[in-house]
Amino acid sequence: MDVQPLSFSEHQFQPQVGRSVSIEQAAQLLGVSRRTVYYRIRDGRLRTIRTLGGSQRVLVDSVEEMRGAH
């Protein structure tokens, strides 16, 4: 049996749902506090993803939708 080592390119780990920004960056883009960003995540008005390291990042599409709603 011929076994080949697994190889992963960094592209395989990129989120397929779109670009994302940090909580701090989302707050700056929206002109609100970090706390408000967390409230909007909890309310479902901002969508997030988790990185492999466990960090929470806000999807740029949801930030743009929120900016357009004002």
C-alpha atoms as a PDB file:
ATOM      1  CA  MET A   1       0.000   0.000   0.000  1.00  0.00           C
ATOM      2  CA  ASP A   2       1.441   3.346  -1.066  1.00  0.00           C
ATOM      3  CA  VAL A   3       0.766   6.099   1.485  1.00  0.00           C
ATOM      4  CA  GLN A   4       1.290   9.732   0.597  1.00  0.00           C
ATOM      5  CA  PRO A   5       1.593  12.453   3.232  1.00  0.00           C
ATOM      6  CA  LEU A   6      -1.231  14.892   3.524  1.00  0.00           C
ATOM      7  CA  SER A   7      -0.435  18.356   2.325  1.00  0.00           C
ATOM      8  CA  PHE A   8      -2.654  21.343   2.931  1.00  0.00           C
ATOM      9  CA  SER A   9      -2.400  24.635   1.173  1.00  0.00           C
ATOM     10  CA  GLU A  10      -3.445  27.732   3.067  1.00  0.00           C
ATOM     11  CA  HIS A  11      -6.229  28.228   0.512  1.00  0.00           C
ATOM     12  CA  GLN A  12      -8.051  25.205   1.887  1.00  0.00           C
ATOM     13  CA  PHE A  13      -8.444  26.975   5.235  1.00  0.00           C
ATOM     14  CA  GLN A  14      -9.725  30.284   3.904  1.00  0.00           C
ATOM     15  CA  PRO A  15     -13.377  30.894   4.767  1.00  0.00           C
ATOM     16  CA  GLN A  16     -15.615  30.365   1.786  1.00  0.00           C
ATOM     17  CA  VAL A  17     -18.254  32.789   3.041  1.00  0.00           C
ATOM     18  CA  GLY A  18     -16.336  35.978   2.334  1.00  0.00           C
ATOM     19  CA  ARG A  19     -13.917  38.468   3.780  1.00  0.00           C
ATOM     20  CA  SER A  20     -13.876  39.216   7.472  1.00  0.00           C
ATOM     21  CA  VAL A  21     -12.613  41.863   9.875  1.00  0.00           C
ATOM     22  CA  SER A  22     -11.812  41.916  13.575  1.00  0.00           C
ATOM     23  CA  ILE A  23     -14.352  43.048  16.143  1.00  0.00           C
ATOM     24  CA  GLU A  24     -12.362  46.283  16.562  1.00  0.00           C
ATOM     25  CA  GLN A  25     -12.300  46.926  12.814  1.00  0.00           C
ATOM     26  CA  ALA A  26     -16.042  46.284  12.545  1.00  0.00           C
ATOM     27  CA  ALA A  27     -16.645  48.792  15.344  1.00  0.00           C
ATOM     28  CA  GLN A  28     -14.553  51.404  13.542  1.00  0.00           C
ATOM     29  CA  LEU A  29     -16.296  50.788  10.216  1.00  0.00           C
ATOM     30  CA  LEU A  30     -19.705  51.143  11.845  1.00  0.00           C
ATOM     31  CA  GLY A  31     -18.729  54.043  14.103  1.00  0.00           C
ATOM     32  CA  VAL A  32     -19.836  52.207  17.227  1.00  0.00           C
ATOM     33  CA  SER A  33     -18.192  50.659  20.289  1.00  0.00           C
ATOM     34  CA  ARG A  34     -16.926  47.082  20.480  1.00  0.00           C
ATOM     35  CA  ARG A  35     -19.725  46.376  22.947  1.00  0.00           C
ATOM     36  CA  THR A  36     -22.304  47.453  20.361  1.00  0.00           C
ATOM     37  CA  VAL A  37     -20.706  45.104  17.812  1.00  0.00           C
ATOM     38  CA  TYR A  38     -21.061  42.218  20.292  1.00  0.00           C
ATOM     39  CA  TYR A  39     -24.719  43.161  20.895  1.00  0.00           C
ATOM     40  CA  ARG A  40     -25.378  43.168  17.158  1.00  0.00           C
ATOM     41  CA  ILE A  41     -23.676  39.781  16.803  1.00  0.00           C
ATOM     42  CA  ARG A  42     -25.843  38.398  19.606  1.00  0.00           C
ATOM     43  CA  ASP A  43     -28.976  39.868  18.007  1.00  0.00           C
ATOM     44  CA  GLY A  44     -28.055  38.264  14.696  1.00  0.00           C
ATOM     45  CA  ARG A  45     -27.597  41.563  12.855  1.00  0.00           C
ATOM     46  CA  LEU A  46     -23.875  40.887  12.278  1.00  0.00           C
ATOM     47  CA  ARG A  47     -22.615  37.491  11.100  1.00  0.00           C
ATOM     48  CA  THR A  48     -19.298  36.055  12.249  1.00  0.00           C
ATOM     49  CA  ILE A  49     -16.923  33.186  11.635  1.00  0.00           C
ATOM     50  CA  ARG A  50     -14.353  31.536  13.892  1.00  0.00           C
ATOM     51  CA  THR A  51     -10.746  31.254  12.794  1.00  0.00           C
ATOM     52  CA  LEU A  52      -8.757  28.074  13.298  1.00  0.00           C
ATOM     53  CA  GLY A  53      -7.258  29.748  16.358  1.00  0.00           C
ATOM     54  CA  GLY A  54     -10.725  30.398  17.806  1.00  0.00           C
ATOM     55  CA  SER A  55     -10.926  34.144  17.172  1.00  0.00           C
ATOM     56  CA  GLN A  56     -14.277  35.581  16.197  1.00  0.00           C
ATOM     57  CA  ARG A  57     -14.313  37.716  13.031  1.00  0.00           C
ATOM     58  CA  VAL A  58     -17.152  39.718  11.534  1.00  0.00           C
ATOM     59  CA  LEU A  59     -18.081  39.106   7.905  1.00  0.00           C
ATOM     60  CA  VAL A  60     -17.553  42.212   5.775  1.00  0.00           C
ATOM     61  CA  ASP A  61     -20.821  41.541   3.924  1.00  0.00           C
ATOM     62  CA  SER A  62     -22.809  41.845   7.146  1.00  0.00           C
ATOM     63  CA  VAL A  63     -20.974  45.075   8.067  1.00  0.00           C
ATOM     64  CA  GLU A  64     -21.805  46.515   4.654  1.00  0.00           C
ATOM     65  CA  GLU A  65     -25.451  45.468   5.032  1.00  0.00           C
ATOM     66  CA  MET A  66     -25.607  47.171   8.436  1.00  0.00           C
ATOM     67  CA  ARG A  67     -24.042  50.352   7.031  1.00  0.00           C
ATOM     68  CA  GLY A  68     -26.574  50.375   4.208  1.00  0.00           C
ATOM     69  CA  ALA A  69     -29.468  49.983   6.651  1.00  0.00           C
ATOM     70  CA  HIS A  70     -28.820  53.401   8.244  1.00  0.00           C
END
